[in-house]
Amino acid sequence: LITVVKVRKMTKEKFIYGMYNDDDLMIAGIKQLQSKGIHVRDAYSPFPIHGLEDVLGMKWTRIAIAAFIFGITGLTLAIITINYMMIMDWPLNIGGKPNFHFYQNLPAFIPIMFEFTVLCAGHGMAITYFFRNMTLPGLPARNPHPRTTDDHFAIEIAENENEKFSKEEIETMISESGTVAVFEKERIVKFL
């Protein structure tokens, strides 16, 4: 009996980052770089910026589908649990109203079903967020600079996506767009 173990290899890429101290300046800088033919891969911000996804050309997220699935799962679990506990396992005569059928007592069960739907959807979305963004305990932070979680904004440009420009040309164009700092960093992108 032979056991085969898959070895996961890490892929690293080099990125050039430009840091800004104003969100409007960052959006103007992205537009300026895109007009010169540079592809800006991502942006980092301490708060949501309206319209940034349109400037970067990001697709709409499918996270609402996941929330719906988590909510439906919670509702289904609530219905099954309430039906088992209140109708089949231990029916109680509460206020002269016996629990013989689920549909006869549905108005009393609606708040419980709603709350459990919200509970499952909320917890499921939090777990999905952590796994999707790889912000799990023990993993290094993905943000390029600690100040991008405080008061600065950063753009990320992949060198391999802008091969028609040299590294020095990209850094010059970034610094001309109003940055506070320009730096390079190597980051793990994915596991093969």
N, C-alpha and C. Protein backbone atom coordinates (compact mmCIF):
# COMPACT_ATOMS: atom_id res chain seq x y z
N LEU A 1 0.84 -1.17 0.00
CA LEU A 1 0.00 0.00 0.00
C LEU A 1 0.90 1.24 0.00
N ILE A 2 0.72 2.05 -1.02
CA ILE A 2 1.54 3.26 -1.16
C ILE A 2 0.64 4.47 -0.95
N THR A 3 1.08 5.39 -0.14
CA THR A 3 0.34 6.62 0.11
C THR A 3 0.97 7.74 -0.70
N VAL A 4 0.14 8.41 -1.45
CA VAL A 4 0.62 9.53 -2.26
C VAL A 4 0.24 10.82 -1.53
N VAL A 5 1.22 11.67 -1.33
CA VAL A 5 0.99 12.94 -0.66
C VAL A 5 1.18 14.05 -1.68
N LYS A 6 0.17 14.90 -1.80
CA LYS A 6 0.30 16.04 -2.70
C LYS A 6 1.08 17.15 -2.00
N VAL A 7 2.06 17.67 -2.68
CA VAL A 7 2.85 18.76 -2.15
C VAL A 7 2.34 20.05 -2.79
N ARG A 8 1.94 20.98 -1.95
CA ARG A 8 1.43 22.25 -2.46
C ARG A 8 2.58 23.23 -2.57
N LYS A 9 2.75 23.77 -3.75
CA LYS A 9 3.81 24.74 -3.98
C LYS A 9 3.21 26.14 -3.96
N MET A 10 3.99 27.06 -3.45
CA MET A 10 3.54 28.45 -3.39
C MET A 10 4.02 29.20 -4.62
N THR A 11 3.16 30.07 -5.12
CA THR A 11 3.54 30.93 -6.22
C THR A 11 3.70 32.34 -5.67
N LYS A 12 4.87 32.92 -5.91
CA LYS A 12 5.13 34.28 -5.45
C LYS A 12 5.19 35.21 -6.65
N GLU A 13 4.68 36.41 -6.46
CA GLU A 13 4.75 37.44 -7.50
C GLU A 13 5.29 38.72 -6.90
N LYS A 14 5.92 39.52 -7.75
CA LYS A 14 6.41 40.82 -7.32
C LYS A 14 5.37 41.88 -7.70
N PHE A 15 5.12 42.77 -6.75
CA PHE A 15 4.16 43.84 -6.96
C PHE A 15 4.82 45.18 -6.65
N ILE A 16 4.37 46.19 -7.36
CA ILE A 16 4.80 47.56 -7.08
C ILE A 16 3.60 48.28 -6.48
N TYR A 17 3.83 48.95 -5.36
CA TYR A 17 2.75 49.64 -4.65
C TYR A 17 3.00 51.14 -4.65
N GLY A 18 1.94 51.87 -4.80
CA GLY A 18 1.97 53.32 -4.66
C GLY A 18 1.05 53.70 -3.52
N MET A 19 1.55 54.49 -2.57
CA MET A 19 0.75 54.87 -1.41
C MET A 19 0.33 56.33 -1.51
N TYR A 20 -0.96 56.56 -1.23
CA TYR A 20 -1.55 57.90 -1.28
C TYR A 20 -2.06 58.27 0.10
N ASN A 21 -2.21 59.57 0.34
CA ASN A 21 -2.77 60.01 1.62
C ASN A 21 -4.19 60.57 1.47
N ASP A 22 -4.79 60.44 0.26
CA ASP A 22 -6.15 60.91 0.03
C ASP A 22 -6.84 59.97 -0.95
N ASP A 23 -8.10 59.64 -0.68
CA ASP A 23 -8.80 58.69 -1.54
C ASP A 23 -9.12 59.27 -2.92
N ASP A 24 -9.46 60.56 -2.99
CA ASP A 24 -9.72 61.17 -4.30
C ASP A 24 -8.45 61.22 -5.14
N LEU A 25 -7.33 61.47 -4.50
CA LEU A 25 -6.04 61.49 -5.19
C LEU A 25 -5.70 60.09 -5.71
N MET A 26 -6.04 59.05 -4.94
CA MET A 26 -5.78 57.69 -5.38
C MET A 26 -6.62 57.35 -6.61
N ILE A 27 -7.90 57.70 -6.60
CA ILE A 27 -8.77 57.40 -7.75
C ILE A 27 -8.28 58.16 -8.99
N ALA A 28 -7.89 59.42 -8.81
CA ALA A 28 -7.34 60.19 -9.93
C ALA A 28 -6.03 59.57 -10.43
N GLY A 29 -5.21 59.06 -9.50
CA GLY A 29 -3.96 58.41 -9.88
C GLY A 29 -4.20 57.12 -10.64
N ILE A 30 -5.21 56.35 -10.23
CA ILE A 30 -5.54 55.11 -10.95
C ILE A 30 -5.98 55.43 -12.37
N LYS A 31 -6.83 56.44 -12.51
CA LYS A 31 -7.30 56.82 -13.85
C LYS A 31 -6.14 57.30 -14.72
N GLN A 32 -5.21 58.05 -14.12
CA GLN A 32 -4.05 58.54 -14.86
C GLN A 32 -3.16 57.39 -15.32
N LEU A 33 -2.93 56.42 -14.45
CA LEU A 33 -2.11 55.27 -14.81
C LEU A 33 -2.79 54.40 -15.87
N GLN A 34 -4.10 54.22 -15.75
CA GLN A 34 -4.83 53.43 -16.74
C GLN A 34 -4.82 54.11 -18.11
N SER A 35 -4.85 55.43 -18.13
CA SER A 35 -4.81 56.14 -19.41
C SER A 35 -3.45 55.97 -20.11
N LYS A 36 -2.42 55.67 -19.32
CA LYS A 36 -1.09 55.41 -19.89
C LYS A 36 -0.88 53.95 -20.27
N GLY A 37 -1.88 53.11 -19.96
CA GLY A 37 -1.80 51.69 -20.34
C GLY A 37 -1.34 50.76 -19.24
N ILE A 38 -1.29 51.22 -18.02
CA ILE A 38 -0.88 50.38 -16.90
C ILE A 38 -2.12 49.76 -16.27
N HIS A 39 -2.06 48.45 -16.04
CA HIS A 39 -3.17 47.75 -15.40
C HIS A 39 -2.96 47.76 -13.89
N VAL A 40 -3.90 48.39 -13.17
CA VAL A 40 -3.87 48.42 -11.71
C VAL A 40 -4.69 47.24 -11.23
N ARG A 41 -4.04 46.35 -10.49
CA ARG A 41 -4.70 45.11 -10.08
C ARG A 41 -5.64 45.29 -8.90
N ASP A 42 -5.24 46.04 -7.88
CA ASP A 42 -6.06 46.15 -6.68
C ASP A 42 -5.76 47.45 -5.97
N ALA A 43 -6.62 47.79 -5.02
CA ALA A 43 -6.43 48.98 -4.19
C ALA A 43 -6.73 48.62 -2.74
N TYR A 44 -6.02 49.23 -1.83
CA TYR A 44 -6.19 48.98 -0.40
C TYR A 44 -6.60 50.28 0.26
N SER A 45 -7.63 50.19 1.10
CA SER A 45 -8.20 51.38 1.72
C SER A 45 -8.66 51.06 3.13
N PRO A 46 -8.55 52.01 4.07
CA PRO A 46 -9.06 51.74 5.42
C PRO A 46 -10.58 51.81 5.52
N PHE A 47 -11.25 52.29 4.49
CA PHE A 47 -12.71 52.35 4.48
C PHE A 47 -13.21 52.18 3.05
N PRO A 48 -14.46 51.80 2.85
CA PRO A 48 -14.99 51.60 1.50
C PRO A 48 -15.02 52.92 0.72
N ILE A 49 -14.63 52.87 -0.53
CA ILE A 49 -14.64 54.05 -1.40
C ILE A 49 -15.66 53.82 -2.50
N HIS A 50 -16.67 54.68 -2.55
CA HIS A 50 -17.73 54.54 -3.54
C HIS A 50 -17.16 54.75 -4.95
N GLY A 51 -17.42 53.82 -5.83
CA GLY A 51 -17.00 53.93 -7.22
C GLY A 51 -15.64 53.34 -7.52
N LEU A 52 -14.92 52.88 -6.51
CA LEU A 52 -13.58 52.33 -6.74
C LEU A 52 -13.64 51.05 -7.56
N GLU A 53 -14.67 50.23 -7.33
CA GLU A 53 -14.79 48.98 -8.09
C GLU A 53 -15.02 49.24 -9.57
N ASP A 54 -15.70 50.35 -9.90
CA ASP A 54 -15.90 50.69 -11.31
C ASP A 54 -14.60 51.17 -11.96
N VAL A 55 -13.82 51.93 -11.21
CA VAL A 55 -12.54 52.42 -11.74
C VAL A 55 -11.58 51.26 -11.98
N LEU A 56 -11.57 50.28 -11.07
CA LEU A 56 -10.67 49.14 -11.21
C LEU A 56 -11.22 48.08 -12.18
N GLY A 57 -12.49 48.18 -12.55
CA GLY A 57 -13.09 47.21 -13.46
C GLY A 57 -13.36 45.87 -12.80
N MET A 58 -13.71 45.90 -11.53
CA MET A 58 -14.00 44.65 -10.81
C MET A 58 -15.40 44.15 -11.13
N LYS A 59 -15.55 42.83 -11.15
CA LYS A 59 -16.86 42.23 -11.37
C LYS A 59 -17.68 42.29 -10.08
N TRP A 60 -19.00 42.22 -10.24
CA TRP A 60 -19.87 42.18 -9.07
C TRP A 60 -19.66 40.87 -8.34
N THR A 61 -19.73 40.92 -7.04
CA THR A 61 -19.49 39.75 -6.21
C THR A 61 -20.72 38.84 -6.19
N ARG A 62 -20.47 37.56 -5.94
CA ARG A 62 -21.55 36.58 -5.81
C ARG A 62 -21.79 36.24 -4.35
N ILE A 63 -21.36 37.11 -3.45
CA ILE A 63 -21.48 36.83 -2.03
C ILE A 63 -22.93 36.80 -1.58
N ALA A 64 -23.83 37.50 -2.28
CA ALA A 64 -25.25 37.48 -1.91
C ALA A 64 -25.84 36.09 -2.10
N ILE A 65 -25.35 35.35 -3.08
CA ILE A 65 -25.82 33.98 -3.28
C ILE A 65 -25.44 33.12 -2.08
N ALA A 66 -24.23 33.32 -1.57
CA ALA A 66 -23.80 32.56 -0.38
C ALA A 66 -24.67 32.93 0.82
N ALA A 67 -25.00 34.22 0.98
CA ALA A 67 -25.85 34.63 2.10
C ALA A 67 -27.23 34.00 1.99
N PHE A 68 -27.77 33.94 0.78
CA PHE A 68 -29.07 33.31 0.58
C PHE A 68 -29.03 31.83 0.93
N ILE A 69 -27.97 31.15 0.51
CA ILE A 69 -27.84 29.71 0.81
C ILE A 69 -27.72 29.49 2.32
N PHE A 70 -26.93 30.31 3.01
CA PHE A 70 -26.81 30.18 4.46
C PHE A 70 -28.14 30.44 5.14
N GLY A 71 -28.89 31.45 4.65
CA GLY A 71 -30.19 31.75 5.23
C GLY A 71 -31.19 30.63 5.03
N ILE A 72 -31.24 30.08 3.82
CA ILE A 72 -32.15 28.96 3.54
C ILE A 72 -31.78 27.74 4.38
N THR A 73 -30.48 27.52 4.56
CA THR A 73 -30.04 26.41 5.41
C THR A 73 -30.51 26.61 6.85
N GLY A 74 -30.37 27.84 7.36
CA GLY A 74 -30.84 28.14 8.71
C GLY A 74 -32.34 27.98 8.86
N LEU A 75 -33.10 28.43 7.86
CA LEU A 75 -34.55 28.28 7.91
C LEU A 75 -34.96 26.82 7.89
N THR A 76 -34.31 26.04 7.05
CA THR A 76 -34.61 24.60 6.97
C THR A 76 -34.30 23.90 8.28
N LEU A 77 -33.14 24.21 8.87
CA LEU A 77 -32.78 23.61 10.15
C LEU A 77 -33.76 24.01 11.25
N ALA A 78 -34.20 25.26 11.24
CA ALA A 78 -35.16 25.73 12.24
C ALA A 78 -36.49 24.99 12.10
N ILE A 79 -36.98 24.85 10.87
CA ILE A 79 -38.25 24.15 10.65
C ILE A 79 -38.16 22.70 11.10
N ILE A 80 -37.08 22.02 10.73
CA ILE A 80 -36.91 20.61 11.10
C ILE A 80 -36.81 20.47 12.62
N THR A 81 -36.04 21.33 13.26
CA THR A 81 -35.85 21.24 14.71
C THR A 81 -37.15 21.56 15.46
N ILE A 82 -37.84 22.62 15.05
CA ILE A 82 -39.10 22.98 15.72
C ILE A 82 -40.12 21.87 15.54
N ASN A 83 -40.23 21.34 14.34
CA ASN A 83 -41.19 20.28 14.08
C ASN A 83 -40.88 19.05 14.94
N TYR A 84 -39.62 18.70 15.06
CA TYR A 84 -39.28 17.54 15.87
C TYR A 84 -39.54 17.80 17.35
N MET A 85 -39.05 18.93 17.86
CA MET A 85 -39.16 19.19 19.30
C MET A 85 -40.59 19.48 19.75
N MET A 86 -41.31 20.31 19.02
CA MET A 86 -42.61 20.78 19.48
C MET A 86 -43.79 19.93 19.02
N ILE A 87 -43.63 19.17 17.95
CA ILE A 87 -44.75 18.39 17.41
C ILE A 87 -44.56 16.90 17.67
N MET A 88 -43.37 16.37 17.34
CA MET A 88 -43.17 14.92 17.40
C MET A 88 -42.66 14.45 18.77
N ASP A 89 -41.60 15.05 19.28
CA ASP A 89 -40.94 14.53 20.46
C ASP A 89 -41.68 14.85 21.76
N TRP A 90 -41.99 16.10 22.00
CA TRP A 90 -42.56 16.50 23.28
C TRP A 90 -43.64 17.56 23.05
N PRO A 91 -44.79 17.17 22.51
CA PRO A 91 -45.86 18.16 22.28
C PRO A 91 -46.45 18.63 23.62
N LEU A 92 -46.59 19.95 23.73
CA LEU A 92 -47.10 20.53 24.97
C LEU A 92 -48.44 21.20 24.72
N ASN A 93 -49.27 21.19 25.71
CA ASN A 93 -50.54 21.89 25.65
C ASN A 93 -50.32 23.24 26.33
N ILE A 94 -50.07 24.26 25.55
CA ILE A 94 -49.76 25.58 26.08
C ILE A 94 -50.98 26.46 25.91
N GLY A 95 -51.57 26.91 26.99
CA GLY A 95 -52.73 27.80 26.94
C GLY A 95 -53.94 27.15 26.29
N GLY A 96 -54.10 25.87 26.42
CA GLY A 96 -55.23 25.17 25.84
C GLY A 96 -55.10 24.94 24.35
N LYS A 97 -53.88 25.15 23.80
CA LYS A 97 -53.65 24.96 22.36
C LYS A 97 -52.65 23.83 22.17
N PRO A 98 -53.13 22.65 21.91
CA PRO A 98 -52.20 21.52 21.75
C PRO A 98 -51.42 21.60 20.44
N ASN A 99 -50.21 21.08 20.47
CA ASN A 99 -49.33 21.09 19.30
C ASN A 99 -49.43 19.76 18.56
N PHE A 100 -50.48 19.62 17.75
CA PHE A 100 -50.63 18.39 16.99
C PHE A 100 -50.13 18.54 15.56
N HIS A 101 -50.17 19.74 15.01
CA HIS A 101 -49.78 19.97 13.63
C HIS A 101 -48.87 21.20 13.56
N PHE A 102 -47.89 21.14 12.71
CA PHE A 102 -46.94 22.24 12.55
C PHE A 102 -47.64 23.49 12.02
N TYR A 103 -48.46 23.32 11.00
CA TYR A 103 -49.08 24.48 10.34
C TYR A 103 -50.07 25.20 11.25
N GLN A 104 -50.66 24.51 12.25
CA GLN A 104 -51.59 25.17 13.16
C GLN A 104 -50.86 26.11 14.12
N ASN A 105 -49.62 25.82 14.39
CA ASN A 105 -48.82 26.63 15.33
C ASN A 105 -47.79 27.50 14.62
N LEU A 106 -47.87 27.61 13.33
CA LEU A 106 -46.88 28.35 12.55
C LEU A 106 -46.68 29.79 13.01
N PRO A 107 -47.75 30.56 13.33
CA PRO A 107 -47.51 31.94 13.79
C PRO A 107 -46.61 32.02 15.03
N ALA A 108 -46.69 31.04 15.92
CA ALA A 108 -45.84 31.06 17.11
C ALA A 108 -44.40 30.71 16.78
N PHE A 109 -44.18 29.99 15.68
CA PHE A 109 -42.83 29.55 15.33
C PHE A 109 -42.09 30.54 14.42
N ILE A 110 -42.80 31.48 13.82
CA ILE A 110 -42.17 32.39 12.85
C ILE A 110 -41.02 33.20 13.46
N PRO A 111 -41.15 33.79 14.66
CA PRO A 111 -39.99 34.53 15.22
C PRO A 111 -38.75 33.66 15.39
N ILE A 112 -38.95 32.42 15.84
CA ILE A 112 -37.81 31.52 16.04
C ILE A 112 -37.16 31.19 14.69
N MET A 113 -37.98 30.92 13.69
CA MET A 113 -37.44 30.60 12.36
C MET A 113 -36.70 31.80 11.78
N PHE A 114 -37.24 33.01 11.96
CA PHE A 114 -36.57 34.20 11.44
C PHE A 114 -35.22 34.40 12.12
N GLU A 115 -35.20 34.30 13.45
CA GLU A 115 -33.96 34.53 14.19
C GLU A 115 -32.89 33.50 13.83
N PHE A 116 -33.28 32.25 13.65
CA PHE A 116 -32.30 31.22 13.30
C PHE A 116 -31.79 31.41 11.87
N THR A 117 -32.66 31.90 10.98
CA THR A 117 -32.23 32.22 9.61
C THR A 117 -31.16 33.30 9.64
N VAL A 118 -31.40 34.36 10.40
CA VAL A 118 -30.43 35.46 10.51
C VAL A 118 -29.14 34.99 11.18
N LEU A 119 -29.27 34.15 12.21
CA LEU A 119 -28.09 33.64 12.90
C LEU A 119 -27.20 32.84 11.96
N CYS A 120 -27.79 31.92 11.20
CA CYS A 120 -27.00 31.09 10.28
C CYS A 120 -26.42 31.93 9.15
N ALA A 121 -27.19 32.87 8.62
CA ALA A 121 -26.68 33.71 7.54
C ALA A 121 -25.53 34.58 8.02
N GLY A 122 -25.66 35.16 9.21
CA GLY A 122 -24.59 36.01 9.75
C GLY A 122 -23.31 35.24 10.03
N HIS A 123 -23.42 34.11 10.70
CA HIS A 123 -22.23 33.32 10.99
C HIS A 123 -21.62 32.74 9.72
N GLY A 124 -22.46 32.27 8.81
CA GLY A 124 -21.95 31.74 7.55
C GLY A 124 -21.20 32.79 6.75
N MET A 125 -21.73 34.03 6.73
CA MET A 125 -21.05 35.10 5.99
C MET A 125 -19.73 35.48 6.64
N ALA A 126 -19.68 35.48 7.96
CA ALA A 126 -18.42 35.81 8.63
C ALA A 126 -17.35 34.76 8.31
N ILE A 127 -17.74 33.49 8.37
CA ILE A 127 -16.79 32.41 8.06
C ILE A 127 -16.37 32.47 6.59
N THR A 128 -17.33 32.73 5.70
CA THR A 128 -17.02 32.86 4.28
C THR A 128 -16.05 34.02 4.04
N TYR A 129 -16.27 35.14 4.73
CA TYR A 129 -15.38 36.30 4.60
C TYR A 129 -13.95 35.93 5.00
N PHE A 130 -13.79 35.24 6.12
CA PHE A 130 -12.45 34.89 6.58
C PHE A 130 -11.75 33.95 5.60
N PHE A 131 -12.47 32.95 5.08
CA PHE A 131 -11.85 32.01 4.16
C PHE A 131 -11.59 32.64 2.80
N ARG A 132 -12.52 33.47 2.32
CA ARG A 132 -12.36 34.07 0.99
C ARG A 132 -11.20 35.06 0.97
N ASN A 133 -11.04 35.81 2.02
CA ASN A 133 -9.98 36.83 2.07
C ASN A 133 -8.71 36.32 2.74
N MET A 134 -8.71 35.06 3.14
CA MET A 134 -7.55 34.45 3.80
C MET A 134 -7.07 35.28 4.99
N THR A 135 -8.01 35.69 5.83
CA THR A 135 -7.67 36.42 7.05
C THR A 135 -7.84 35.50 8.25
N LEU A 136 -7.30 34.31 8.12
CA LEU A 136 -7.40 33.33 9.18
C LEU A 136 -6.25 33.53 10.17
N PRO A 137 -6.43 33.08 11.41
CA PRO A 137 -5.35 33.22 12.40
C PRO A 137 -4.09 32.50 11.94
N GLY A 138 -2.96 33.15 12.13
CA GLY A 138 -1.68 32.54 11.78
C GLY A 138 -1.18 32.88 10.39
N LEU A 139 -2.06 33.39 9.53
CA LEU A 139 -1.64 33.77 8.18
C LEU A 139 -1.16 35.21 8.17
N PRO A 140 -0.16 35.52 7.37
CA PRO A 140 0.32 36.90 7.32
C PRO A 140 -0.73 37.82 6.68
N ALA A 141 -0.69 39.07 7.06
CA ALA A 141 -1.64 40.05 6.52
C ALA A 141 -1.36 40.28 5.03
N ARG A 142 -2.42 40.51 4.27
CA ARG A 142 -2.28 40.72 2.84
C ARG A 142 -2.05 42.19 2.48
N ASN A 143 -2.33 43.08 3.41
CA ASN A 143 -2.17 44.49 3.08
C ASN A 143 -0.69 44.82 2.91
N PRO A 144 -0.36 45.68 1.95
CA PRO A 144 1.06 45.93 1.65
C PRO A 144 1.78 46.75 2.71
N HIS A 145 1.05 47.55 3.46
CA HIS A 145 1.67 48.43 4.45
C HIS A 145 0.69 48.59 5.61
N PRO A 146 1.18 48.62 6.84
CA PRO A 146 0.26 48.75 7.98
C PRO A 146 -0.59 50.03 7.96
N ARG A 147 -0.11 51.08 7.32
CA ARG A 147 -0.87 52.34 7.31
C ARG A 147 -2.10 52.28 6.42
N THR A 148 -2.22 51.22 5.58
CA THR A 148 -3.42 51.12 4.75
C THR A 148 -4.64 50.70 5.58
N THR A 149 -4.43 50.34 6.83
CA THR A 149 -5.56 50.07 7.72
C THR A 149 -5.84 51.27 8.63
N ASP A 150 -5.09 52.36 8.46
CA ASP A 150 -5.23 53.52 9.33
C ASP A 150 -5.64 54.77 8.56
N ASP A 151 -4.70 55.34 7.80
CA ASP A 151 -5.01 56.62 7.16
C ASP A 151 -4.41 56.78 5.76
N HIS A 152 -3.88 55.72 5.17
CA HIS A 152 -3.31 55.80 3.83
C HIS A 152 -3.99 54.82 2.89
N PHE A 153 -3.79 55.03 1.60
CA PHE A 153 -4.40 54.20 0.55
C PHE A 153 -3.29 53.71 -0.36
N ALA A 154 -3.44 52.51 -0.88
CA ALA A 154 -2.39 51.95 -1.73
C ALA A 154 -3.00 51.31 -2.97
N ILE A 155 -2.24 51.37 -4.07
CA ILE A 155 -2.61 50.65 -5.28
C ILE A 155 -1.57 49.58 -5.53
N GLU A 156 -2.02 48.49 -6.16
CA GLU A 156 -1.14 47.35 -6.41
C GLU A 156 -1.03 47.12 -7.91
N ILE A 157 0.19 47.05 -8.38
CA ILE A 157 0.46 46.82 -9.80
C ILE A 157 1.38 45.62 -9.92
N ALA A 158 0.93 44.62 -10.67
CA ALA A 158 1.73 43.42 -10.88
C ALA A 158 2.70 43.65 -12.03
N GLU A 159 3.94 43.30 -11.81
CA GLU A 159 4.95 43.49 -12.86
C GLU A 159 4.67 42.62 -14.07
N ASN A 160 4.21 41.38 -13.85
CA ASN A 160 4.01 40.48 -14.98
C ASN A 160 2.77 40.84 -15.81
N GLU A 161 1.88 41.68 -15.31
CA GLU A 161 0.72 42.12 -16.08
C GLU A 161 1.02 43.37 -16.90
N ASN A 162 2.14 44.01 -16.66
CA ASN A 162 2.55 45.23 -17.36
C ASN A 162 3.95 45.05 -17.94
N GLU A 163 4.10 44.02 -18.77
CA GLU A 163 5.43 43.67 -19.27
C GLU A 163 5.97 44.65 -20.32
N LYS A 164 5.09 45.46 -20.92
CA LYS A 164 5.59 46.39 -21.93
C LYS A 164 6.30 47.60 -21.31
N PHE A 165 6.18 47.73 -19.97
CA PHE A 165 6.88 48.80 -19.26
C PHE A 165 7.95 48.18 -18.36
N SER A 166 9.05 48.89 -18.21
CA SER A 166 10.06 48.42 -17.26
C SER A 166 9.64 48.81 -15.85
N LYS A 167 10.30 48.20 -14.88
CA LYS A 167 9.98 48.48 -13.48
C LYS A 167 10.21 49.96 -13.15
N GLU A 168 11.29 50.52 -13.69
CA GLU A 168 11.61 51.92 -13.42
C GLU A 168 10.56 52.86 -14.03
N GLU A 169 10.06 52.51 -15.25
CA GLU A 169 9.03 53.34 -15.88
C GLU A 169 7.73 53.30 -15.07
N ILE A 170 7.37 52.13 -14.58
CA ILE A 170 6.16 52.01 -13.77
C ILE A 170 6.29 52.82 -12.49
N GLU A 171 7.44 52.71 -11.82
CA GLU A 171 7.64 53.46 -10.58
C GLU A 171 7.62 54.96 -10.83
N THR A 172 8.18 55.40 -11.95
CA THR A 172 8.16 56.83 -12.28
C THR A 172 6.74 57.31 -12.52
N MET A 173 5.96 56.53 -13.28
CA MET A 173 4.58 56.92 -13.56
C MET A 173 3.73 56.92 -12.28
N ILE A 174 4.01 55.98 -11.39
CA ILE A 174 3.27 55.96 -10.12
C ILE A 174 3.61 57.19 -9.29
N SER A 175 4.88 57.52 -9.19
CA SER A 175 5.28 58.68 -8.38
C SER A 175 4.77 59.99 -8.97
N GLU A 176 4.58 60.04 -10.29
CA GLU A 176 4.01 61.24 -10.93
C GLU A 176 2.52 61.38 -10.67
N SER A 177 1.87 60.33 -10.20
CA SER A 177 0.42 60.39 -9.99
C SER A 177 0.04 60.92 -8.60
N GLY A 178 1.01 61.39 -7.84
CA GLY A 178 0.72 62.02 -6.55
C GLY A 178 0.87 61.13 -5.35
N THR A 179 1.74 60.15 -5.44
CA THR A 179 1.91 59.23 -4.31
C THR A 179 2.77 59.83 -3.22
N VAL A 180 2.64 59.25 -2.03
CA VAL A 180 3.48 59.61 -0.90
C VAL A 180 4.73 58.74 -0.91
N ALA A 181 4.55 57.47 -1.30
CA ALA A 181 5.66 56.52 -1.34
C ALA A 181 5.40 55.48 -2.42
N VAL A 182 6.50 54.97 -3.00
CA VAL A 182 6.43 53.88 -3.97
C VAL A 182 7.40 52.81 -3.47
N PHE A 183 6.91 51.57 -3.40
CA PHE A 183 7.77 50.49 -2.94
C PHE A 183 7.37 49.19 -3.62
N GLU A 184 8.28 48.21 -3.54
CA GLU A 184 8.08 46.91 -4.16
C GLU A 184 8.02 45.85 -3.07
N LYS A 185 7.18 44.85 -3.31
CA LYS A 185 7.03 43.78 -2.33
C LYS A 185 6.71 42.48 -3.06
N GLU A 186 7.21 41.38 -2.52
CA GLU A 186 6.90 40.07 -3.07
C GLU A 186 5.88 39.42 -2.15
N ARG A 187 4.83 38.83 -2.77
CA ARG A 187 3.74 38.27 -1.98
C ARG A 187 3.33 36.92 -2.54
N ILE A 188 2.90 36.01 -1.65
CA ILE A 188 2.37 34.71 -2.07
C ILE A 188 1.00 34.94 -2.68
N VAL A 189 0.81 34.49 -3.90
CA VAL A 189 -0.45 34.71 -4.59
C VAL A 189 -1.37 33.53 -4.43
N LYS A 190 -0.88 32.31 -4.70
CA LYS A 190 -1.73 31.13 -4.59
C LYS A 190 -0.88 29.89 -4.41
N PHE A 191 -1.56 28.83 -4.04
CA PHE A 191 -0.92 27.53 -3.90
C PHE A 191 -1.26 26.71 -5.12
N LEU A 192 -0.28 25.99 -5.66
CA LEU A 192 -0.52 25.13 -6.82
C LEU A 192 -0.79 23.71 -6.37
